[in-house]
């Protein structure tokens, strides 16, 4: 049984760790790559500078955070698993843990809805959400005039960050790579890998024409996955946000959050309280999708292709994040952080 929580609105431990990611201020940088799988996070982390030694935190809720420097610039890599709920945990808890502006890039796998080979890398300009309509009568649909699935309006990626990512990927892609880089297209993020992506299972999902309907409704549609829309949506919601600087509620008096910290350049970095929010701070969000499967041809990427495309896209994303400008006064302080040179 976990200890009783004292702040159900935004649980935080007495030492300022957020409840799901397990991080506290000074452990996450303003520039972040977010991925689904820990193995991809470790691939990206292999390009971080040797010094300071990267900080590695595994939360008991399955989130992995790796923070270090890349070409001298503080960078965090966060593995969040799959789906919009996990993206929600990530964006909200990172926002409450990092002072100043944020630049976040999702690097993930996807299915292609256009005729491109596996290994293609797509940088979308926007994303729509596909959600299963729970008010639809899936057992007796003839008695229901509700649609089985809802498709949202598109929400845009950050234009400046997207341009930097495209430029960096083009510069980083090896001359020997057969991968194609696509941009200017629209992504769709589904709330299910199966029903809301038009896959057929033994459940009565009534989705046999979902992809066709989606393609008719959304122009320039190219990719299908599960996380990007929610990242873009929360970033867009933050535009122009001015947050009250009132003192935060009393944190938890006991510590149900017990992350495993495997490595740290500064294992005894001092305790920082949750950073006061800066007025009009910015969340820039972009994404790069590696095509693992074609929904047209049913072709699937090979393990060798995965390794090759993950390596050069990892470097490209890191280069793009380093190139995006975040003014010094809108950055989390280096002092006392895990990426501080000591």
Protein backbone atom coordinates (compact mmCIF):
# COMPACT_ATOMS: atom_id res chain seq x y z
CA UNK A 1 0.00 0.00 0.00
CA UNK A 2 1.39 3.38 -0.97
CA UNK A 3 1.58 6.18 1.55
CA UNK A 4 -1.39 8.55 1.67
CA UNK A 5 -1.20 11.43 -0.80
CA UNK A 6 -1.68 14.95 0.48
CA UNK A 7 -2.27 16.74 -2.85
CA UNK A 8 -4.55 14.85 -5.21
CA UNK A 9 -4.65 17.74 -7.71
CA UNK A 10 -0.99 17.49 -8.74
CA UNK A 11 0.82 14.80 -6.74
CA UNK A 12 4.42 15.64 -5.98
CA UNK A 13 6.80 14.24 -3.40
CA UNK A 14 8.39 16.25 -0.62
CA UNK A 15 11.59 16.33 -2.68
CA UNK A 16 9.62 17.73 -5.66
CA UNK A 17 9.39 14.60 -7.80
CA UNK A 18 6.34 14.37 -10.06
CA UNK A 19 4.20 11.29 -9.61
CA UNK A 20 4.52 9.41 -12.92
CA UNK A 21 7.78 10.47 -14.57
CA UNK A 22 9.55 10.62 -11.21
CA UNK A 23 11.72 13.60 -12.19
CA UNK A 24 12.31 16.77 -10.25
CA UNK A 25 13.55 20.24 -11.29
CA UNK A 26 17.14 20.14 -12.51
CA UNK A 27 16.82 16.68 -14.07
CA UNK A 28 15.16 17.62 -17.39
CA UNK A 29 16.51 20.08 -19.96
CA UNK A 30 14.52 22.55 -22.09
CA UNK A 31 15.25 20.60 -25.29
CA UNK A 32 13.68 17.14 -25.32
CA UNK A 33 13.39 14.15 -27.64
CA UNK A 34 10.47 11.90 -26.72
CA UNK A 35 10.16 8.33 -27.96
CA UNK A 36 7.99 5.31 -27.28
CA UNK A 37 10.54 2.60 -26.52
CA UNK A 38 13.46 2.51 -24.05
CA UNK A 39 15.69 0.91 -26.69
CA UNK A 40 15.22 3.91 -29.00
CA UNK A 41 15.92 6.26 -26.08
CA UNK A 42 19.19 4.44 -25.45
CA UNK A 43 20.10 4.62 -29.14
CA UNK A 44 19.67 8.40 -29.07
CA UNK A 45 21.53 8.64 -25.76
CA UNK A 46 24.55 6.93 -27.31
CA UNK A 47 25.23 10.20 -29.17
CA UNK A 48 25.33 12.33 -26.01
CA UNK A 49 28.62 13.81 -24.83
CA UNK A 50 30.69 11.64 -22.50
CA UNK A 51 30.93 14.49 -20.01
CA UNK A 52 29.05 15.25 -17.94
CA UNK A 53 28.06 11.62 -17.61
CA UNK A 54 24.40 11.26 -18.65
CA UNK A 55 21.82 11.08 -15.90
CA UNK A 56 19.47 8.07 -16.16
CA UNK A 57 16.19 7.73 -14.26
CA UNK A 58 13.64 4.90 -14.50
CA UNK A 59 10.30 5.72 -12.87
CA UNK A 60 8.20 3.02 -11.26
CA UNK A 61 5.47 3.90 -13.80
CA UNK A 62 7.65 2.86 -16.74
CA UNK A 63 9.01 6.22 -17.92
CA UNK A 64 12.72 6.51 -18.74
CA UNK A 65 14.52 9.87 -18.64
CA UNK A 66 18.10 10.38 -19.84
CA UNK A 67 19.64 13.84 -19.54
CA UNK A 68 23.06 15.01 -20.65
CA UNK A 69 24.65 17.28 -23.21
CA UNK A 70 24.93 16.99 -26.97
CA UNK A 71 27.69 19.10 -28.49
CA UNK A 72 27.66 20.99 -25.21
CA UNK A 73 23.91 21.72 -25.21
CA UNK A 74 21.69 20.24 -22.47
CA UNK A 75 19.31 17.63 -23.91
CA UNK A 76 16.82 15.20 -22.37
CA UNK A 77 15.51 12.00 -23.91
CA UNK A 78 12.26 10.65 -22.46
CA UNK A 79 10.71 7.28 -23.28
CA UNK A 80 6.98 7.38 -22.56
CA UNK A 81 5.47 4.20 -23.99
CA UNK A 82 2.41 4.40 -26.24
CA UNK A 83 -0.75 6.45 -26.59
CA UNK A 84 -2.12 9.89 -25.80
CA UNK A 85 -2.59 9.25 -22.03
CA UNK A 86 1.16 8.68 -21.66
CA UNK A 87 1.87 11.74 -23.80
CA UNK A 88 -0.40 13.69 -21.45
CA UNK A 89 1.56 12.52 -18.39
CA UNK A 90 4.80 13.49 -20.12
CA UNK A 91 3.92 16.99 -21.35
CA UNK A 92 2.09 18.10 -18.20
CA UNK A 93 4.65 16.78 -15.71
CA UNK A 94 7.61 18.07 -17.71
CA UNK A 95 5.93 21.49 -17.97
CA UNK A 96 5.66 21.60 -14.16
CA UNK A 97 9.31 20.54 -13.73
CA UNK A 98 11.17 22.76 -16.21
CA UNK A 99 11.40 26.54 -16.11
CA UNK A 100 11.17 28.56 -19.32
CA UNK A 101 10.59 27.50 -22.90
CA UNK A 102 10.38 23.92 -24.13
CA UNK A 103 11.30 22.44 -27.50
CA UNK A 104 9.98 18.88 -27.85
CA UNK A 105 10.38 16.52 -30.80
CA UNK A 106 8.68 13.16 -31.02
CA UNK A 107 10.71 10.54 -32.89
CA UNK A 108 8.50 7.51 -33.46
CA UNK A 109 7.44 4.75 -35.77
CA UNK A 110 4.30 4.89 -37.90
CA UNK A 111 2.28 3.25 -40.61
CA UNK A 112 2.19 4.95 -44.01
CA UNK A 113 -1.07 5.76 -45.77
CA UNK A 114 0.77 6.84 -48.91
CA UNK A 115 2.73 4.67 -51.30
CA UNK A 116 6.22 4.99 -49.79
CA UNK A 117 8.65 2.23 -48.81
CA UNK A 118 9.39 1.28 -45.20
CA UNK A 119 12.31 3.33 -43.93
CA UNK A 120 10.85 6.60 -45.22
CA UNK A 121 11.01 9.46 -42.68
CA UNK A 122 8.01 11.81 -42.56
CA UNK A 123 8.00 15.21 -40.82
CA UNK A 124 4.33 16.27 -40.60
CA UNK A 125 3.14 19.86 -40.63
CA UNK A 126 0.04 18.99 -38.58
CA UNK A 127 -1.96 16.16 -37.04
CA UNK A 128 -5.58 15.07 -36.58
CA UNK A 129 -6.97 12.78 -33.89
CA UNK A 130 -9.08 9.67 -34.53
CA UNK A 131 -11.14 8.52 -31.56
CA UNK A 132 -13.49 5.60 -31.07
CA UNK A 133 -16.98 6.92 -30.33
CA UNK A 134 -18.11 5.09 -27.20
CA UNK A 135 -21.68 6.32 -27.77
CA UNK A 136 -21.88 4.34 -30.99
CA UNK A 137 -23.80 1.07 -30.64
CA UNK A 138 -21.17 -1.42 -31.78
CA UNK A 139 -23.43 -4.44 -31.15
CA UNK A 140 -26.54 -3.23 -32.98
CA UNK A 141 -25.31 -0.39 -35.24
CA UNK A 142 -28.46 -0.38 -37.34
CA UNK A 143 -30.23 1.24 -34.37
CA UNK A 144 -27.67 4.00 -34.02
CA UNK A 145 -27.24 7.22 -35.97
CA UNK A 146 -23.96 8.14 -34.26
CA UNK A 147 -20.68 7.79 -36.21
CA UNK A 148 -18.41 4.98 -35.02
CA UNK A 149 -15.33 7.23 -35.07
CA UNK A 150 -14.64 10.94 -34.68
CA UNK A 151 -11.96 12.78 -36.66
CA UNK A 152 -10.76 16.08 -35.23
CA UNK A 153 -9.67 19.27 -36.89
CA UNK A 154 -5.90 19.44 -37.54
CA UNK A 155 -3.50 21.06 -35.10
CA UNK A 156 -0.20 22.41 -36.41
CA UNK A 157 3.37 21.62 -35.44
CA UNK A 158 5.67 24.49 -34.54
CA UNK A 159 6.81 25.88 -37.88
CA UNK A 160 10.28 27.00 -36.81
CA UNK A 161 11.18 23.77 -35.02
CA UNK A 162 9.78 21.70 -37.90
CA UNK A 163 11.97 23.57 -40.40
CA UNK A 164 15.05 22.97 -38.23
CA UNK A 165 14.25 19.25 -37.98
CA UNK A 166 13.79 18.90 -41.74
CA UNK A 167 17.03 20.74 -42.44
CA UNK A 168 18.97 18.70 -39.87
CA UNK A 169 17.59 15.36 -41.11
CA UNK A 170 18.54 16.18 -44.70
CA UNK A 171 22.04 17.13 -43.61
CA UNK A 172 22.47 14.03 -41.45
CA UNK A 173 21.07 11.33 -43.74
CA UNK A 174 23.96 9.20 -45.07
CA UNK A 175 24.58 9.35 -48.81
CA UNK A 176 24.28 5.55 -48.81
CA UNK A 177 20.79 5.58 -47.26
CA UNK A 178 17.84 4.67 -49.46
CA UNK A 179 15.44 6.46 -47.11
CA UNK A 180 13.28 9.29 -48.39
CA UNK A 181 12.46 12.36 -46.27
CA UNK A 182 8.90 13.64 -46.71
CA UNK A 183 7.45 16.82 -45.23
CA UNK A 184 4.43 19.10 -45.49
CA UNK A 185 1.98 16.26 -44.87
CA UNK A 186 -0.65 15.53 -42.20
CA UNK A 187 -0.42 12.85 -39.54
CA UNK A 188 -3.33 11.04 -37.88
CA UNK A 189 -3.05 9.91 -34.26
CA UNK A 190 -5.46 7.19 -33.17
CA UNK A 191 -6.62 6.22 -29.70
CA UNK A 192 -6.17 2.53 -30.54
CA UNK A 193 -3.61 0.53 -32.50
CA UNK A 194 -6.46 -1.64 -33.74
CA UNK A 195 -9.98 -0.23 -34.05
CA UNK A 196 -9.18 3.45 -34.65
CA UNK A 197 -6.49 2.55 -37.17
CA UNK A 198 -8.85 0.41 -39.26
CA UNK A 199 -7.31 -2.96 -38.37
CA UNK A 200 -9.61 -5.97 -38.39
CA UNK A 201 -9.84 -8.13 -35.27
CA UNK A 202 -12.55 -10.39 -33.87
CA UNK A 203 -14.22 -7.41 -32.16
CA UNK A 204 -17.16 -5.73 -33.95
CA UNK A 205 -15.32 -2.46 -34.55
CA UNK A 206 -17.21 -1.35 -37.68
CA UNK A 207 -14.03 0.17 -39.10
CA UNK A 208 -13.69 -1.54 -42.47
CA UNK A 209 -14.14 1.80 -44.29
CA UNK A 210 -12.41 3.98 -41.70
CA UNK A 211 -9.15 4.49 -43.63
CA UNK A 212 -11.05 5.31 -46.84
CA UNK A 213 -13.20 7.82 -44.94
CA UNK A 214 -10.12 9.32 -43.29
CA UNK A 215 -8.34 9.78 -46.61
CA UNK A 216 -11.38 11.53 -48.09
CA UNK A 217 -11.77 13.84 -45.10
CA UNK A 218 -8.12 14.81 -44.49
CA UNK A 219 -6.03 16.26 -47.33
CA UNK A 220 -2.31 15.37 -47.58
CA UNK A 221 -2.70 12.57 -45.06
CA UNK A 222 0.46 10.44 -44.87
CA UNK A 223 1.01 8.68 -41.53
CA UNK A 224 -0.87 6.93 -38.79
CA UNK A 225 0.32 6.46 -35.20
CA UNK A 226 -0.85 7.19 -31.64
CA UNK A 227 0.91 10.12 -29.93
CA UNK A 228 1.69 13.13 -32.11
CA UNK A 229 -1.70 14.86 -32.06
CA UNK A 230 -1.75 15.10 -28.27
CA UNK A 231 1.75 16.61 -28.18
CA UNK A 232 0.81 19.20 -30.82
CA UNK A 233 -2.52 19.90 -29.11
CA UNK A 234 -1.06 20.57 -25.66
CA UNK A 235 1.70 22.72 -27.14
CA UNK A 236 -0.91 24.74 -29.05
CA UNK A 237 -3.01 25.14 -25.89
CA UNK A 238 0.01 26.68 -24.15
CA UNK A 239 0.43 29.54 -26.67
CA UNK A 240 0.33 32.89 -24.89
CA UNK A 241 -0.21 31.21 -21.53
CA UNK A 242 0.52 33.44 -18.55
CA UNK A 243 0.56 31.40 -15.36
CA UNK A 244 -0.03 32.68 -11.86
CA UNK A 245 3.16 32.81 -9.78
CA UNK A 246 1.31 31.98 -6.58
CA UNK A 247 3.02 29.45 -4.35
CA UNK A 248 2.39 25.84 -5.27
CA UNK A 249 0.29 23.63 -2.95
CA UNK A 250 2.06 21.79 -0.17
CA UNK A 251 3.84 18.78 -1.66
CA UNK A 252 3.36 15.23 -0.51
CA UNK A 253 4.64 14.68 3.00
CA UNK A 254 5.74 11.16 2.18
CA UNK A 255 7.36 9.66 -0.90
CA UNK A 256 5.38 7.13 -2.94
CA UNK A 257 7.54 7.99 -5.98
CA UNK A 258 10.70 5.90 -5.86
CA UNK A 259 12.56 6.13 -9.20
CA UNK A 260 15.67 4.10 -9.92
CA UNK A 261 18.56 6.40 -10.74
CA UNK A 262 21.18 4.29 -12.45
CA UNK A 263 23.71 7.02 -13.30
CA UNK A 264 24.15 10.63 -12.49
CA UNK A 265 26.83 13.19 -13.20
CA UNK A 266 25.76 14.95 -10.01
CA UNK A 267 24.03 12.41 -7.73
CA UNK A 268 23.75 14.90 -4.90
CA UNK A 269 22.53 17.89 -6.86
CA UNK A 270 20.72 20.27 -4.50
CA UNK A 271 16.96 20.23 -4.08
CA UNK A 272 15.16 22.77 -6.24
CA UNK A 273 11.56 23.65 -5.65
CA UNK A 274 9.24 23.49 -8.65
CA UNK A 275 10.35 26.38 -10.88
CA UNK A 276 8.24 29.50 -10.92
CA UNK A 277 6.53 29.67 -14.32
CA UNK A 278 7.81 32.32 -16.68
CA UNK A 279 5.07 34.48 -18.20
CA UNK A 280 4.38 33.76 -21.86
CA UNK A 281 6.69 30.78 -22.01
CA UNK A 282 6.61 28.73 -25.22
CA UNK A 283 6.23 25.03 -25.98
CA UNK A 284 7.50 24.23 -29.46
CA UNK A 285 6.50 20.79 -30.74
CA UNK A 286 7.47 18.84 -33.85
CA UNK A 287 7.66 15.20 -34.93
CA UNK A 288 9.54 12.86 -37.22
CA UNK A 289 7.94 9.53 -38.10
CA UNK A 290 9.86 6.52 -39.34
CA UNK A 291 7.68 4.40 -41.62
CA UNK A 292 7.81 0.86 -40.25
CA UNK A 293 4.84 -0.46 -42.25
CA UNK A 294 2.97 0.42 -45.41
CA UNK A 295 -0.79 0.15 -45.01
CA UNK A 296 -1.01 0.09 -48.82
CA UNK A 297 1.42 -2.70 -49.73
CA UNK A 298 1.56 -4.36 -46.27
CA UNK A 299 5.39 -4.24 -46.48
CA UNK A 300 7.22 -4.09 -43.16
CA UNK A 301 10.63 -2.70 -42.26
CA UNK A 302 13.55 -5.09 -41.66
CA UNK A 303 15.62 -5.09 -38.43
CA UNK A 304 18.62 -3.85 -40.41
CA UNK A 305 16.60 -0.93 -41.77
CA UNK A 306 15.37 -0.07 -38.27
CA UNK A 307 18.91 0.16 -36.92
CA UNK A 308 20.11 2.26 -39.84
CA UNK A 309 17.22 4.75 -39.88
CA UNK A 310 17.10 5.10 -36.07
CA UNK A 311 20.78 6.00 -35.94
CA UNK A 312 20.80 8.80 -38.48
CA UNK A 313 17.40 10.21 -37.49
CA UNK A 314 18.56 10.28 -33.84
CA UNK A 315 21.50 12.45 -34.80
CA UNK A 316 19.33 14.60 -37.04
CA UNK A 317 16.79 15.28 -34.28
CA UNK A 318 19.55 16.14 -31.80
CA UNK A 319 21.15 18.52 -34.32
CA UNK A 320 17.79 20.16 -35.01
CA UNK A 321 17.10 20.70 -31.32
CA UNK A 322 20.54 22.21 -30.75
CA UNK A 323 19.95 24.61 -33.64
CA UNK A 324 16.64 25.92 -32.30
CA UNK A 325 17.14 29.15 -30.37
CA UNK A 326 16.03 29.37 -26.75
CA UNK A 327 17.10 32.67 -25.15
CA UNK A 328 19.38 32.27 -22.13
CA UNK A 329 16.86 33.98 -19.88
CA UNK A 330 14.21 31.42 -20.80
CA UNK A 331 16.21 28.35 -19.84
CA UNK A 332 16.30 26.12 -16.78
CA UNK A 333 19.37 27.07 -14.76
CA UNK A 334 22.49 24.93 -15.22
CA UNK A 335 23.44 25.52 -11.61
CA UNK A 336 22.74 22.45 -9.53
CA UNK A 337 21.35 20.53 -12.52
CA UNK A 338 22.39 17.03 -13.57
CA UNK A 339 23.97 18.48 -16.72
CA UNK A 340 26.11 21.02 -14.82
CA UNK A 341 29.86 20.67 -15.30
CA UNK A 342 31.33 19.90 -11.87
